[in-house]
């Protein structure tokens, strides 16, 4: 599939907001050929588990990539 854009979504300790975030992203970009690149930056609040268990329910496997980093590389 050819994408018109990629959207990079950094995640760090956002477990409580992920469901709402991805519902809004899906609704906002439903008619666009967007590749979602989700980067979990070493979250320790359950975000990694949520992403691994739920992201497939939000998007098709062809339009997202999930990257889980072992530690936080932010400031």
N, C-alpha and C. Protein backbone atom coordinates (compact mmCIF):
# COMPACT_ATOMS: atom_id res chain seq x y z
N UNK A 1 0.83 -1.18 0.00
CA UNK A 1 0.00 0.00 0.00
C UNK A 1 0.88 1.24 0.00
N UNK A 2 0.47 2.22 -0.72
CA UNK A 2 1.18 3.50 -0.77
C UNK A 2 0.52 4.46 0.22
N UNK A 3 1.34 5.06 1.06
CA UNK A 3 0.83 6.00 2.05
C UNK A 3 1.10 7.42 1.61
N UNK A 4 0.18 8.32 1.94
CA UNK A 4 0.38 9.73 1.61
C UNK A 4 1.17 10.44 2.69
N UNK A 5 1.20 9.85 3.90
CA UNK A 5 1.94 10.45 5.01
C UNK A 5 2.16 9.42 6.10
N UNK A 6 3.13 9.71 6.95
CA UNK A 6 3.37 8.92 8.15
C UNK A 6 3.18 9.82 9.35
N UNK A 7 2.60 9.26 10.39
CA UNK A 7 2.37 10.00 11.62
C UNK A 7 3.12 9.29 12.73
N UNK A 8 4.11 9.97 13.32
CA UNK A 8 4.90 9.39 14.41
C UNK A 8 4.24 9.79 15.72
N UNK A 9 3.95 8.79 16.55
CA UNK A 9 3.25 9.02 17.81
C UNK A 9 4.13 8.53 18.96
N UNK A 10 4.80 9.44 19.66
CA UNK A 10 5.61 9.03 20.81
C UNK A 10 4.70 8.79 22.02
N UNK A 11 4.99 7.73 22.75
CA UNK A 11 4.22 7.36 23.93
C UNK A 11 5.17 7.20 25.11
N UNK A 12 4.85 7.86 26.21
CA UNK A 12 5.58 7.63 27.45
C UNK A 12 4.60 7.76 28.61
N UNK A 13 4.33 6.66 29.26
CA UNK A 13 3.45 6.59 30.43
C UNK A 13 2.09 7.27 30.17
N UNK A 14 1.42 6.78 29.16
CA UNK A 14 0.10 7.32 28.78
C UNK A 14 -0.99 6.25 28.81
N UNK A 15 -0.83 5.22 29.61
CA UNK A 15 -1.77 4.10 29.61
C UNK A 15 -3.22 4.53 29.77
N UNK A 16 -3.47 5.51 30.60
CA UNK A 16 -4.85 5.92 30.87
C UNK A 16 -5.48 6.70 29.72
N UNK A 17 -4.69 7.17 28.76
CA UNK A 17 -5.23 7.97 27.67
C UNK A 17 -5.16 7.28 26.30
N UNK A 18 -4.55 6.11 26.24
CA UNK A 18 -4.29 5.47 24.95
C UNK A 18 -5.56 5.10 24.19
N UNK A 19 -6.55 4.55 24.86
CA UNK A 19 -7.77 4.15 24.17
C UNK A 19 -8.43 5.36 23.50
N UNK A 20 -8.56 6.44 24.23
CA UNK A 20 -9.15 7.66 23.69
C UNK A 20 -8.31 8.23 22.54
N UNK A 21 -7.00 8.26 22.73
CA UNK A 21 -6.10 8.77 21.69
C UNK A 21 -6.28 8.01 20.38
N UNK A 22 -6.23 6.69 20.45
CA UNK A 22 -6.28 5.91 19.21
C UNK A 22 -7.67 5.90 18.59
N UNK A 23 -8.71 6.02 19.40
CA UNK A 23 -10.06 6.18 18.84
C UNK A 23 -10.15 7.49 18.05
N UNK A 24 -9.60 8.56 18.60
CA UNK A 24 -9.63 9.86 17.92
C UNK A 24 -8.77 9.86 16.66
N UNK A 25 -7.60 9.22 16.72
CA UNK A 25 -6.75 9.14 15.53
C UNK A 25 -7.44 8.36 14.42
N UNK A 26 -8.05 7.26 14.78
CA UNK A 26 -8.73 6.43 13.79
C UNK A 26 -9.88 7.21 13.15
N UNK A 27 -10.64 7.91 13.98
CA UNK A 27 -11.77 8.69 13.47
C UNK A 27 -11.29 9.85 12.59
N UNK A 28 -10.25 10.53 13.01
CA UNK A 28 -9.74 11.69 12.28
C UNK A 28 -9.14 11.32 10.93
N UNK A 29 -8.42 10.21 10.89
CA UNK A 29 -7.68 9.84 9.68
C UNK A 29 -8.28 8.63 8.96
N UNK A 30 -9.55 8.32 9.21
CA UNK A 30 -10.14 7.09 8.67
C UNK A 30 -10.15 7.04 7.14
N UNK A 31 -10.23 8.17 6.48
CA UNK A 31 -10.30 8.18 5.02
C UNK A 31 -8.98 8.50 4.35
N UNK A 32 -7.91 8.45 5.10
CA UNK A 32 -6.59 8.80 4.56
C UNK A 32 -5.67 7.59 4.61
N UNK A 33 -4.75 7.54 3.68
CA UNK A 33 -3.76 6.47 3.66
C UNK A 33 -2.56 6.91 4.50
N UNK A 34 -2.69 6.72 5.81
CA UNK A 34 -1.69 7.16 6.78
C UNK A 34 -1.00 5.94 7.39
N UNK A 35 0.30 6.01 7.52
CA UNK A 35 1.07 5.00 8.26
C UNK A 35 1.31 5.55 9.66
N UNK A 36 0.86 4.84 10.68
CA UNK A 36 1.04 5.25 12.06
C UNK A 36 2.28 4.56 12.62
N UNK A 37 3.23 5.33 13.07
CA UNK A 37 4.45 4.79 13.68
C UNK A 37 4.38 5.14 15.16
N UNK A 38 4.15 4.13 15.98
CA UNK A 38 3.94 4.32 17.41
C UNK A 38 5.21 3.90 18.13
N UNK A 39 5.79 4.84 18.88
CA UNK A 39 7.03 4.57 19.58
C UNK A 39 6.79 4.67 21.08
N UNK A 40 6.83 3.53 21.74
CA UNK A 40 6.72 3.49 23.19
C UNK A 40 8.12 3.72 23.75
N UNK A 41 8.31 4.85 24.40
CA UNK A 41 9.64 5.28 24.85
C UNK A 41 9.94 4.81 26.28
N UNK A 42 9.88 3.49 26.48
CA UNK A 42 10.26 2.93 27.77
C UNK A 42 9.24 3.15 28.88
N UNK A 43 7.97 3.22 28.55
CA UNK A 43 6.92 3.42 29.56
C UNK A 43 6.97 2.35 30.63
N UNK A 44 6.64 2.73 31.85
CA UNK A 44 6.61 1.77 32.96
C UNK A 44 5.26 1.79 33.69
N UNK A 45 4.22 2.27 33.01
CA UNK A 45 2.90 2.38 33.62
C UNK A 45 1.87 1.43 33.01
N UNK A 46 2.31 0.50 32.17
CA UNK A 46 1.38 -0.41 31.51
C UNK A 46 1.08 -0.03 30.07
N UNK A 47 1.64 1.07 29.60
CA UNK A 47 1.42 1.49 28.22
C UNK A 47 1.88 0.42 27.23
N UNK A 48 3.02 -0.17 27.49
CA UNK A 48 3.55 -1.20 26.59
C UNK A 48 2.58 -2.36 26.48
N UNK A 49 2.08 -2.84 27.60
CA UNK A 49 1.12 -3.95 27.59
C UNK A 49 -0.16 -3.55 26.86
N UNK A 50 -0.66 -2.34 27.12
CA UNK A 50 -1.87 -1.89 26.44
C UNK A 50 -1.66 -1.89 24.93
N UNK A 51 -0.55 -1.33 24.50
CA UNK A 51 -0.26 -1.27 23.07
C UNK A 51 -0.17 -2.66 22.45
N UNK A 52 0.54 -3.55 23.11
CA UNK A 52 0.70 -4.90 22.56
C UNK A 52 -0.62 -5.65 22.50
N UNK A 53 -1.52 -5.39 23.44
CA UNK A 53 -2.79 -6.12 23.49
C UNK A 53 -3.92 -5.47 22.71
N UNK A 54 -3.83 -4.18 22.42
CA UNK A 54 -4.97 -3.47 21.85
C UNK A 54 -4.76 -2.79 20.51
N UNK A 55 -3.53 -2.54 20.13
CA UNK A 55 -3.30 -1.76 18.92
C UNK A 55 -3.84 -2.47 17.67
N UNK A 56 -3.81 -3.78 17.65
CA UNK A 56 -4.33 -4.52 16.50
C UNK A 56 -5.83 -4.35 16.35
N UNK A 57 -6.51 -4.02 17.44
CA UNK A 57 -7.95 -3.78 17.39
C UNK A 57 -8.26 -2.39 16.83
N UNK A 58 -7.31 -1.50 16.90
CA UNK A 58 -7.51 -0.12 16.46
C UNK A 58 -7.17 0.10 14.99
N UNK A 59 -6.16 -0.59 14.49
CA UNK A 59 -5.69 -0.40 13.13
C UNK A 59 -5.47 -1.75 12.47
N UNK A 60 -5.34 -1.73 11.14
CA UNK A 60 -4.95 -2.95 10.45
C UNK A 60 -3.43 -3.09 10.57
N UNK A 61 -2.95 -4.29 10.44
CA UNK A 61 -1.50 -4.51 10.58
C UNK A 61 -0.71 -3.80 9.49
N UNK A 62 -1.34 -3.48 8.41
CA UNK A 62 -0.65 -2.83 7.30
C UNK A 62 -0.44 -1.34 7.49
N UNK A 63 -1.19 -0.71 8.40
CA UNK A 63 -1.05 0.74 8.49
C UNK A 63 -0.48 1.23 9.81
N UNK A 64 0.19 0.35 10.54
CA UNK A 64 0.89 0.82 11.74
C UNK A 64 2.16 0.01 11.96
N UNK A 65 3.05 0.63 12.70
CA UNK A 65 4.27 -0.05 13.15
C UNK A 65 4.45 0.32 14.61
N UNK A 66 4.63 -0.69 15.45
CA UNK A 66 4.82 -0.47 16.88
C UNK A 66 6.28 -0.73 17.23
N UNK A 67 6.91 0.26 17.84
CA UNK A 67 8.29 0.15 18.28
C UNK A 67 8.30 0.31 19.80
N UNK A 68 8.77 -0.70 20.50
CA UNK A 68 8.88 -0.65 21.96
C UNK A 68 10.35 -0.52 22.35
N UNK A 69 10.70 0.59 22.97
CA UNK A 69 12.05 0.79 23.47
C UNK A 69 12.13 0.31 24.92
N UNK A 70 13.25 -0.27 25.28
CA UNK A 70 13.43 -0.83 26.63
C UNK A 70 13.58 0.22 27.71
N UNK A 71 14.10 1.39 27.33
CA UNK A 71 14.26 2.44 28.33
C UNK A 71 13.84 3.78 27.71
N UNK A 72 13.63 4.76 28.54
CA UNK A 72 13.22 6.07 28.09
C UNK A 72 14.43 6.83 27.58
N UNK A 73 14.31 7.34 26.36
CA UNK A 73 15.39 8.11 25.75
C UNK A 73 15.08 9.60 25.71
N UNK A 74 13.98 10.01 26.35
CA UNK A 74 13.61 11.43 26.40
C UNK A 74 14.51 12.18 27.36
N UNK A 75 14.17 13.43 27.60
CA UNK A 75 14.96 14.28 28.49
C UNK A 75 15.00 13.73 29.88
